[in-house]
Amino acid sequence: MVVKPVISASGLLKIGDLLRKTRRFSDLDNMDYSKLTHDSNPLHFDVECARNAGFEDRIVPGMLIASLFPRIIASHFPGAVYVSQSLQFKLPVYVGDEVVAEVQAVHLRENKKRYIAKFSTKCFKNGEVLVIDGEAVAILPTLTTNEEQST
């Protein structure tokens, strides 16, 4: 399922505008993340270990899921500088779950011909269950949105 961004008709980012990205994470994504970060937690690879820890199946690393937020921002505002991110991991995401990441503009201000944008950041599992909640701040070179090339 691909969810289209909800952007002002003008193409300029405004408070309340919402950008989305849908993704399913696979076993290969978990493996690639592990290779890159050296996070070898067996909860991501071993079904029995995950079940013994109280999960239904192998879980996707929370930071891998949260990586959707800077991807959304940078794909719509090339040259954006990610400044901060707060995260609250509410519920697990299992390999194969559909995740919808949302970034919503909550505050914008101009600063030296660039823009400081504060975003609400949320991820939902299977379209409705909140799994990650947080806020991000980014410096944007413009408020004009660039059409994302791939979903």
N, C-alpha and C. Protein backbone atom coordinates (compact mmCIF):
# COMPACT_ATOMS: atom_id res chain seq x y z
N MET A 1 0.84 -1.18 0.00
CA MET A 1 0.00 0.00 0.00
C MET A 1 0.88 1.24 0.00
N VAL A 2 0.67 2.13 -0.92
CA VAL A 2 1.39 3.38 -1.00
C VAL A 2 0.43 4.49 -0.60
N VAL A 3 0.84 5.28 0.38
CA VAL A 3 0.01 6.38 0.86
C VAL A 3 0.62 7.68 0.36
N LYS A 4 -0.16 8.47 -0.35
CA LYS A 4 0.33 9.73 -0.91
C LYS A 4 0.51 10.77 0.19
N PRO A 5 1.54 11.61 0.05
CA PRO A 5 1.74 12.69 1.02
C PRO A 5 0.58 13.68 0.98
N VAL A 6 0.34 14.31 2.10
CA VAL A 6 -0.69 15.34 2.19
C VAL A 6 0.05 16.67 2.34
N ILE A 7 0.22 17.35 1.22
CA ILE A 7 0.98 18.60 1.18
C ILE A 7 0.06 19.70 0.69
N SER A 8 0.31 20.90 1.12
CA SER A 8 -0.47 22.05 0.67
C SER A 8 -0.45 22.13 -0.85
N ALA A 9 -1.52 22.62 -1.43
CA ALA A 9 -1.64 22.73 -2.88
C ALA A 9 -0.53 23.60 -3.47
N SER A 10 -0.01 24.52 -2.70
CA SER A 10 1.04 25.41 -3.19
C SER A 10 2.37 24.71 -3.36
N GLY A 11 2.52 23.52 -2.79
CA GLY A 11 3.81 22.82 -2.84
C GLY A 11 4.79 23.32 -1.79
N LEU A 12 4.34 24.26 -0.96
CA LEU A 12 5.18 24.77 0.12
C LEU A 12 4.76 24.10 1.43
N LEU A 13 5.74 23.66 2.20
CA LEU A 13 5.46 23.04 3.48
C LEU A 13 4.82 24.05 4.42
N LYS A 14 3.72 23.63 5.04
CA LYS A 14 3.02 24.46 6.02
C LYS A 14 2.77 23.62 7.28
N ILE A 15 2.55 24.30 8.39
CA ILE A 15 2.22 23.59 9.63
C ILE A 15 0.98 22.73 9.38
N GLY A 16 1.06 21.49 9.82
CA GLY A 16 -0.02 20.54 9.63
C GLY A 16 0.17 19.62 8.45
N ASP A 17 1.06 19.98 7.50
CA ASP A 17 1.31 19.12 6.35
C ASP A 17 1.92 17.80 6.80
N LEU A 18 1.56 16.75 6.10
CA LEU A 18 1.92 15.38 6.48
C LEU A 18 2.61 14.68 5.32
N LEU A 19 3.76 14.06 5.60
CA LEU A 19 4.49 13.27 4.62
C LEU A 19 4.52 11.83 5.12
N ARG A 20 4.35 10.86 4.20
CA ARG A 20 4.26 9.45 4.61
C ARG A 20 5.16 8.57 3.74
N LYS A 21 5.54 7.45 4.34
CA LYS A 21 6.28 6.41 3.64
C LYS A 21 5.83 5.07 4.20
N THR A 22 5.51 4.13 3.31
CA THR A 22 5.09 2.79 3.72
C THR A 22 6.20 1.81 3.40
N ARG A 23 6.44 0.87 4.31
CA ARG A 23 7.53 -0.08 4.11
C ARG A 23 7.25 -1.37 4.89
N ARG A 24 7.68 -2.48 4.33
CA ARG A 24 7.73 -3.78 5.03
C ARG A 24 9.19 -4.14 5.19
N PHE A 25 9.57 -4.49 6.41
CA PHE A 25 10.95 -4.89 6.66
C PHE A 25 11.05 -6.41 6.60
N SER A 26 12.13 -6.89 6.01
CA SER A 26 12.33 -8.31 5.78
C SER A 26 13.48 -8.86 6.63
N ASP A 27 13.66 -10.17 6.57
CA ASP A 27 14.82 -10.78 7.22
C ASP A 27 16.11 -10.19 6.67
N LEU A 28 16.15 -9.96 5.36
CA LEU A 28 17.34 -9.38 4.74
C LEU A 28 17.62 -7.98 5.28
N ASP A 29 16.56 -7.19 5.49
CA ASP A 29 16.75 -5.86 6.09
C ASP A 29 17.39 -5.97 7.47
N ASN A 30 16.90 -6.92 8.29
CA ASN A 30 17.48 -7.14 9.61
C ASN A 30 18.95 -7.52 9.50
N MET A 31 19.27 -8.40 8.56
CA MET A 31 20.66 -8.85 8.38
C MET A 31 21.55 -7.68 7.94
N ASP A 32 21.08 -6.91 6.96
CA ASP A 32 21.86 -5.77 6.47
C ASP A 32 22.09 -4.75 7.59
N TYR A 33 21.06 -4.49 8.38
CA TYR A 33 21.18 -3.56 9.50
C TYR A 33 22.21 -4.08 10.51
N SER A 34 22.15 -5.37 10.78
CA SER A 34 23.09 -5.97 11.72
C SER A 34 24.53 -5.86 11.23
N LYS A 35 24.73 -6.10 9.95
CA LYS A 35 26.08 -5.99 9.38
C LYS A 35 26.61 -4.56 9.48
N LEU A 36 25.75 -3.61 9.23
CA LEU A 36 26.16 -2.21 9.23
C LEU A 36 26.42 -1.70 10.65
N THR A 37 25.56 -2.07 11.59
CA THR A 37 25.63 -1.50 12.94
C THR A 37 26.30 -2.41 13.97
N HIS A 38 26.52 -3.66 13.60
CA HIS A 38 27.05 -4.68 14.53
C HIS A 38 26.08 -4.98 15.66
N ASP A 39 24.80 -4.71 15.44
CA ASP A 39 23.75 -5.06 16.39
C ASP A 39 23.36 -6.51 16.11
N SER A 40 23.82 -7.41 16.93
CA SER A 40 23.57 -8.84 16.70
C SER A 40 22.59 -9.42 17.72
N ASN A 41 21.71 -8.59 18.22
CA ASN A 41 20.72 -9.03 19.19
C ASN A 41 19.91 -10.18 18.60
N PRO A 42 19.88 -11.34 19.26
CA PRO A 42 19.16 -12.49 18.71
C PRO A 42 17.65 -12.29 18.59
N LEU A 43 17.10 -11.28 19.24
CA LEU A 43 15.67 -10.99 19.09
C LEU A 43 15.29 -10.67 17.64
N HIS A 44 16.30 -10.26 16.86
CA HIS A 44 16.06 -9.89 15.46
C HIS A 44 16.20 -11.07 14.50
N PHE A 45 16.77 -12.20 14.99
CA PHE A 45 17.09 -13.30 14.08
C PHE A 45 16.57 -14.67 14.51
N ASP A 46 16.36 -14.84 15.80
CA ASP A 46 16.04 -16.16 16.36
C ASP A 46 14.61 -16.16 16.91
N VAL A 47 13.72 -16.91 16.24
CA VAL A 47 12.32 -16.95 16.63
C VAL A 47 12.17 -17.44 18.07
N GLU A 48 12.89 -18.48 18.43
CA GLU A 48 12.78 -19.05 19.77
C GLU A 48 13.21 -18.04 20.84
N CYS A 49 14.30 -17.35 20.58
CA CYS A 49 14.78 -16.33 21.52
C CYS A 49 13.74 -15.22 21.67
N ALA A 50 13.18 -14.79 20.54
CA ALA A 50 12.17 -13.72 20.57
C ALA A 50 10.94 -14.18 21.36
N ARG A 51 10.51 -15.40 21.14
CA ARG A 51 9.33 -15.91 21.86
C ARG A 51 9.61 -16.06 23.35
N ASN A 52 10.81 -16.50 23.68
CA ASN A 52 11.19 -16.62 25.10
C ASN A 52 11.22 -15.26 25.79
N ALA A 53 11.42 -14.20 25.02
CA ALA A 53 11.44 -12.85 25.58
C ALA A 53 10.05 -12.22 25.58
N GLY A 54 9.03 -12.98 25.12
CA GLY A 54 7.65 -12.49 25.17
C GLY A 54 7.12 -11.91 23.87
N PHE A 55 7.88 -12.03 22.78
CA PHE A 55 7.44 -11.53 21.49
C PHE A 55 6.84 -12.66 20.67
N GLU A 56 6.03 -12.32 19.68
CA GLU A 56 5.40 -13.32 18.82
C GLU A 56 6.37 -13.91 17.81
N ASP A 57 7.36 -13.11 17.40
CA ASP A 57 8.28 -13.50 16.33
C ASP A 57 9.50 -12.60 16.42
N ARG A 58 10.38 -12.67 15.42
CA ARG A 58 11.57 -11.81 15.37
C ARG A 58 11.12 -10.37 15.19
N ILE A 59 11.77 -9.47 15.91
CA ILE A 59 11.39 -8.06 15.83
C ILE A 59 12.38 -7.29 14.95
N VAL A 60 11.86 -6.25 14.32
CA VAL A 60 12.68 -5.35 13.52
C VAL A 60 13.31 -4.34 14.47
N PRO A 61 14.62 -4.08 14.34
CA PRO A 61 15.24 -3.09 15.22
C PRO A 61 14.52 -1.74 15.15
N GLY A 62 14.25 -1.18 16.31
CA GLY A 62 13.54 0.09 16.37
C GLY A 62 14.24 1.21 15.62
N MET A 63 15.56 1.23 15.70
CA MET A 63 16.30 2.29 15.01
C MET A 63 16.23 2.12 13.50
N LEU A 64 16.11 0.89 13.02
CA LEU A 64 15.93 0.67 11.58
C LEU A 64 14.59 1.24 11.13
N ILE A 65 13.56 1.01 11.91
CA ILE A 65 12.23 1.56 11.58
C ILE A 65 12.28 3.08 11.62
N ALA A 66 12.90 3.62 12.67
CA ALA A 66 12.99 5.08 12.83
C ALA A 66 13.80 5.74 11.71
N SER A 67 14.61 4.97 11.00
CA SER A 67 15.38 5.54 9.90
C SER A 67 14.48 6.01 8.75
N LEU A 68 13.21 5.64 8.80
CA LEU A 68 12.27 6.14 7.79
C LEU A 68 12.07 7.65 7.91
N PHE A 69 12.20 8.20 9.11
CA PHE A 69 11.94 9.63 9.31
C PHE A 69 12.93 10.51 8.54
N PRO A 70 14.25 10.35 8.72
CA PRO A 70 15.15 11.20 7.93
C PRO A 70 15.05 10.93 6.43
N ARG A 71 14.69 9.70 6.07
CA ARG A 71 14.52 9.39 4.65
C ARG A 71 13.36 10.19 4.06
N ILE A 72 12.26 10.28 4.79
CA ILE A 72 11.10 11.05 4.32
C ILE A 72 11.49 12.52 4.16
N ILE A 73 12.13 13.07 5.17
CA ILE A 73 12.47 14.49 5.15
C ILE A 73 13.46 14.79 4.02
N ALA A 74 14.52 13.99 3.91
CA ALA A 74 15.54 14.25 2.89
C ALA A 74 15.01 14.03 1.48
N SER A 75 14.07 13.11 1.31
CA SER A 75 13.55 12.87 -0.04
C SER A 75 12.65 14.00 -0.51
N HIS A 76 12.04 14.72 0.40
CA HIS A 76 11.19 15.85 0.04
C HIS A 76 11.93 17.19 0.09
N PHE A 77 13.04 17.23 0.84
CA PHE A 77 13.82 18.45 0.99
C PHE A 77 15.31 18.11 0.86
N PRO A 78 15.78 17.83 -0.37
CA PRO A 78 17.20 17.48 -0.55
C PRO A 78 18.10 18.56 0.04
N GLY A 79 19.11 18.13 0.76
CA GLY A 79 20.01 19.06 1.43
C GLY A 79 19.59 19.38 2.85
N ALA A 80 18.49 18.77 3.32
CA ALA A 80 18.06 18.97 4.70
C ALA A 80 19.12 18.44 5.66
N VAL A 81 19.28 19.11 6.78
CA VAL A 81 20.21 18.69 7.82
C VAL A 81 19.38 18.23 9.02
N TYR A 82 19.51 16.97 9.38
CA TYR A 82 18.78 16.41 10.51
C TYR A 82 19.48 16.88 11.79
N VAL A 83 18.75 17.53 12.68
CA VAL A 83 19.34 18.12 13.88
C VAL A 83 19.10 17.26 15.12
N SER A 84 17.87 16.77 15.28
CA SER A 84 17.57 15.97 16.47
C SER A 84 16.37 15.06 16.21
N GLN A 85 16.27 14.05 17.07
CA GLN A 85 15.15 13.11 17.00
C GLN A 85 14.93 12.55 18.39
N SER A 86 13.69 12.60 18.86
CA SER A 86 13.32 11.89 20.09
C SER A 86 12.43 10.72 19.66
N LEU A 87 12.52 9.62 20.38
CA LEU A 87 11.77 8.42 20.02
C LEU A 87 11.21 7.75 21.26
N GLN A 88 10.00 7.27 21.15
CA GLN A 88 9.41 6.38 22.15
C GLN A 88 8.93 5.14 21.39
N PHE A 89 9.51 3.99 21.75
CA PHE A 89 9.12 2.74 21.11
C PHE A 89 7.96 2.16 21.90
N LYS A 90 6.78 2.15 21.30
CA LYS A 90 5.55 1.76 21.98
C LYS A 90 5.28 0.26 21.92
N LEU A 91 5.42 -0.33 20.74
CA LEU A 91 5.12 -1.74 20.51
C LEU A 91 6.09 -2.31 19.49
N PRO A 92 6.29 -3.63 19.50
CA PRO A 92 7.23 -4.22 18.54
C PRO A 92 6.66 -4.25 17.13
N VAL A 93 7.58 -4.24 16.17
CA VAL A 93 7.25 -4.47 14.76
C VAL A 93 7.93 -5.78 14.39
N TYR A 94 7.17 -6.68 13.80
CA TYR A 94 7.69 -7.98 13.41
C TYR A 94 8.07 -7.99 11.94
N VAL A 95 9.03 -8.84 11.61
CA VAL A 95 9.44 -9.01 10.22
C VAL A 95 8.18 -9.27 9.39
N GLY A 96 8.00 -8.50 8.32
CA GLY A 96 6.86 -8.66 7.44
C GLY A 96 5.70 -7.73 7.72
N ASP A 97 5.67 -7.09 8.90
CA ASP A 97 4.59 -6.13 9.19
C ASP A 97 4.70 -4.93 8.26
N GLU A 98 3.56 -4.39 7.86
CA GLU A 98 3.56 -3.15 7.10
C GLU A 98 3.66 -1.98 8.08
N VAL A 99 4.58 -1.08 7.80
CA VAL A 99 4.79 0.10 8.65
C VAL A 99 4.52 1.35 7.82
N VAL A 100 3.72 2.25 8.37
CA VAL A 100 3.50 3.55 7.75
C VAL A 100 4.16 4.58 8.66
N ALA A 101 5.17 5.26 8.12
CA ALA A 101 5.85 6.32 8.86
C ALA A 101 5.26 7.65 8.43
N GLU A 102 5.00 8.51 9.41
CA GLU A 102 4.44 9.83 9.14
C GLU A 102 5.30 10.91 9.78
N VAL A 103 5.52 11.96 9.02
CA VAL A 103 6.24 13.14 9.49
C VAL A 103 5.30 14.32 9.25
N GLN A 104 4.95 15.02 10.34
CA GLN A 104 4.01 16.14 10.24
C GLN A 104 4.65 17.41 10.76
N ALA A 105 4.60 18.46 9.95
CA ALA A 105 5.17 19.75 10.35
C ALA A 105 4.35 20.35 11.49
N VAL A 106 5.02 20.68 12.59
CA VAL A 106 4.33 21.29 13.74
C VAL A 106 4.83 22.70 14.06
N HIS A 107 6.02 23.05 13.56
CA HIS A 107 6.55 24.40 13.77
C HIS A 107 7.57 24.69 12.68
N LEU A 108 7.49 25.90 12.12
CA LEU A 108 8.42 26.34 11.07
C LEU A 108 8.87 27.76 11.37
N ARG A 109 10.17 27.98 11.19
CA ARG A 109 10.64 29.37 11.31
C ARG A 109 11.85 29.58 10.41
N GLU A 110 11.92 30.78 9.86
CA GLU A 110 13.03 31.11 8.98
C GLU A 110 14.23 31.53 9.82
N ASN A 111 15.42 31.15 9.35
CA ASN A 111 16.65 31.50 10.05
C ASN A 111 17.78 31.56 9.01
N LYS A 112 18.25 32.76 8.71
CA LYS A 112 19.36 32.95 7.78
C LYS A 112 19.12 32.28 6.43
N LYS A 113 17.99 32.57 5.83
CA LYS A 113 17.61 32.07 4.50
C LYS A 113 17.42 30.56 4.43
N ARG A 114 17.32 29.93 5.60
CA ARG A 114 16.96 28.52 5.68
C ARG A 114 15.80 28.42 6.66
N TYR A 115 15.31 27.22 6.86
CA TYR A 115 14.13 27.03 7.70
C TYR A 115 14.38 25.96 8.74
N ILE A 116 14.03 26.26 9.97
CA ILE A 116 14.11 25.26 11.04
C ILE A 116 12.70 24.69 11.18
N ALA A 117 12.61 23.39 10.98
CA ALA A 117 11.30 22.72 10.99
C ALA A 117 11.27 21.70 12.11
N LYS A 118 10.21 21.75 12.89
CA LYS A 118 9.96 20.74 13.92
C LYS A 118 8.84 19.85 13.40
N PHE A 119 9.06 18.55 13.50
CA PHE A 119 8.10 17.57 12.99
C PHE A 119 7.66 16.62 14.09
N SER A 120 6.41 16.26 14.06
CA SER A 120 5.91 15.12 14.83
C SER A 120 6.24 13.90 13.97
N THR A 121 6.80 12.85 14.60
CA THR A 121 7.17 11.64 13.86
C THR A 121 6.46 10.44 14.48
N LYS A 122 5.77 9.68 13.64
CA LYS A 122 5.01 8.53 14.12
C LYS A 122 5.13 7.38 13.14
N CYS A 123 5.13 6.17 13.66
CA CYS A 123 5.04 4.96 12.83
C CYS A 123 3.86 4.14 13.32
N PHE A 124 3.12 3.62 12.35
CA PHE A 124 1.96 2.78 12.63
C PHE A 124 2.17 1.42 11.99
N LYS A 125 1.81 0.38 12.72
CA LYS A 125 1.89 -0.98 12.21
C LYS A 125 0.53 -1.35 11.66
N ASN A 126 0.54 -1.94 10.47
CA ASN A 126 -0.70 -2.37 9.83
C ASN A 126 -1.71 -1.23 9.72
N GLY A 127 -1.19 -0.02 9.55
CA GLY A 127 -2.03 1.14 9.28
C GLY A 127 -2.69 1.82 10.45
N GLU A 128 -2.67 1.21 11.64
CA GLU A 128 -3.44 1.84 12.72
C GLU A 128 -2.82 1.78 14.10
N VAL A 129 -1.92 0.85 14.38
CA VAL A 129 -1.37 0.67 15.72
C VAL A 129 -0.08 1.48 15.85
N LEU A 130 -0.08 2.47 16.76
CA LEU A 130 1.09 3.32 16.97
C LEU A 130 2.22 2.49 17.57
N VAL A 131 3.37 2.46 16.88
CA VAL A 131 4.51 1.69 17.38
C VAL A 131 5.70 2.58 17.74
N ILE A 132 5.82 3.74 17.11
CA ILE A 132 6.87 4.70 17.43
C ILE A 132 6.26 6.09 17.44
N ASP A 133 6.63 6.88 18.46
CA ASP A 133 6.16 8.25 18.58
C ASP A 133 7.37 9.11 18.89
N GLY A 134 7.43 10.31 18.31
CA GLY A 134 8.57 11.16 18.62
C GLY A 134 8.47 12.51 17.94
N GLU A 135 9.58 13.23 17.97
CA GLU A 135 9.70 14.53 17.33
C GLU A 135 11.08 14.64 16.69
N ALA A 136 11.13 15.37 15.59
CA ALA A 136 12.40 15.61 14.91
C ALA A 136 12.52 17.09 14.59
N VAL A 137 13.76 17.56 14.51
CA VAL A 137 14.04 18.92 14.06
C VAL A 137 15.04 18.80 12.90
N ALA A 138 14.76 19.55 11.85
CA ALA A 138 15.65 19.56 10.69
C ALA A 138 15.79 20.98 10.17
N ILE A 139 16.93 21.27 9.57
CA ILE A 139 17.14 22.53 8.89
C ILE A 139 16.90 22.27 7.41
N LEU A 140 15.94 22.98 6.84
CA LEU A 140 15.57 22.79 5.45
C LEU A 140 16.10 23.93 4.60
N PRO A 141 16.62 23.62 3.41
CA PRO A 141 17.12 24.70 2.54
C PRO A 141 15.99 25.51 1.91
N THR A 142 14.79 24.94 1.88
CA THR A 142 13.62 25.58 1.29
C THR A 142 12.37 24.94 1.89
N LEU A 143 11.25 25.59 1.72
CA LEU A 143 9.98 24.98 2.13
C LEU A 143 9.26 24.35 0.93
N THR A 144 9.84 24.48 -0.25
CA THR A 144 9.27 23.88 -1.45
C THR A 144 9.55 22.39 -1.43
N THR A 145 8.50 21.60 -1.53
CA THR A 145 8.66 20.15 -1.47
C THR A 145 9.12 19.61 -2.82
N ASN A 146 10.03 18.66 -2.75
CA ASN A 146 10.50 17.95 -3.92
C ASN A 146 9.71 16.66 -4.01
N GLU A 147 9.13 16.35 -5.16
CA GLU A 147 8.36 15.12 -5.32
C GLU A 147 9.27 13.93 -5.11
N GLU A 148 8.90 13.07 -4.17
CA GLU A 148 9.70 11.87 -3.88
C GLU A 148 9.73 11.00 -5.12
N GLN A 149 10.91 10.49 -5.48
CA GLN A 149 11.08 9.70 -6.69
C GLN A 149 10.60 8.29 -6.55
N SER A 150 10.76 7.66 -5.37
CA SER A 150 10.30 6.28 -5.19
C SER A 150 9.60 6.15 -3.86
N THR A 151 8.71 5.16 -3.77
CA THR A 151 7.95 4.99 -2.53
C THR A 151 8.36 3.80 -1.75
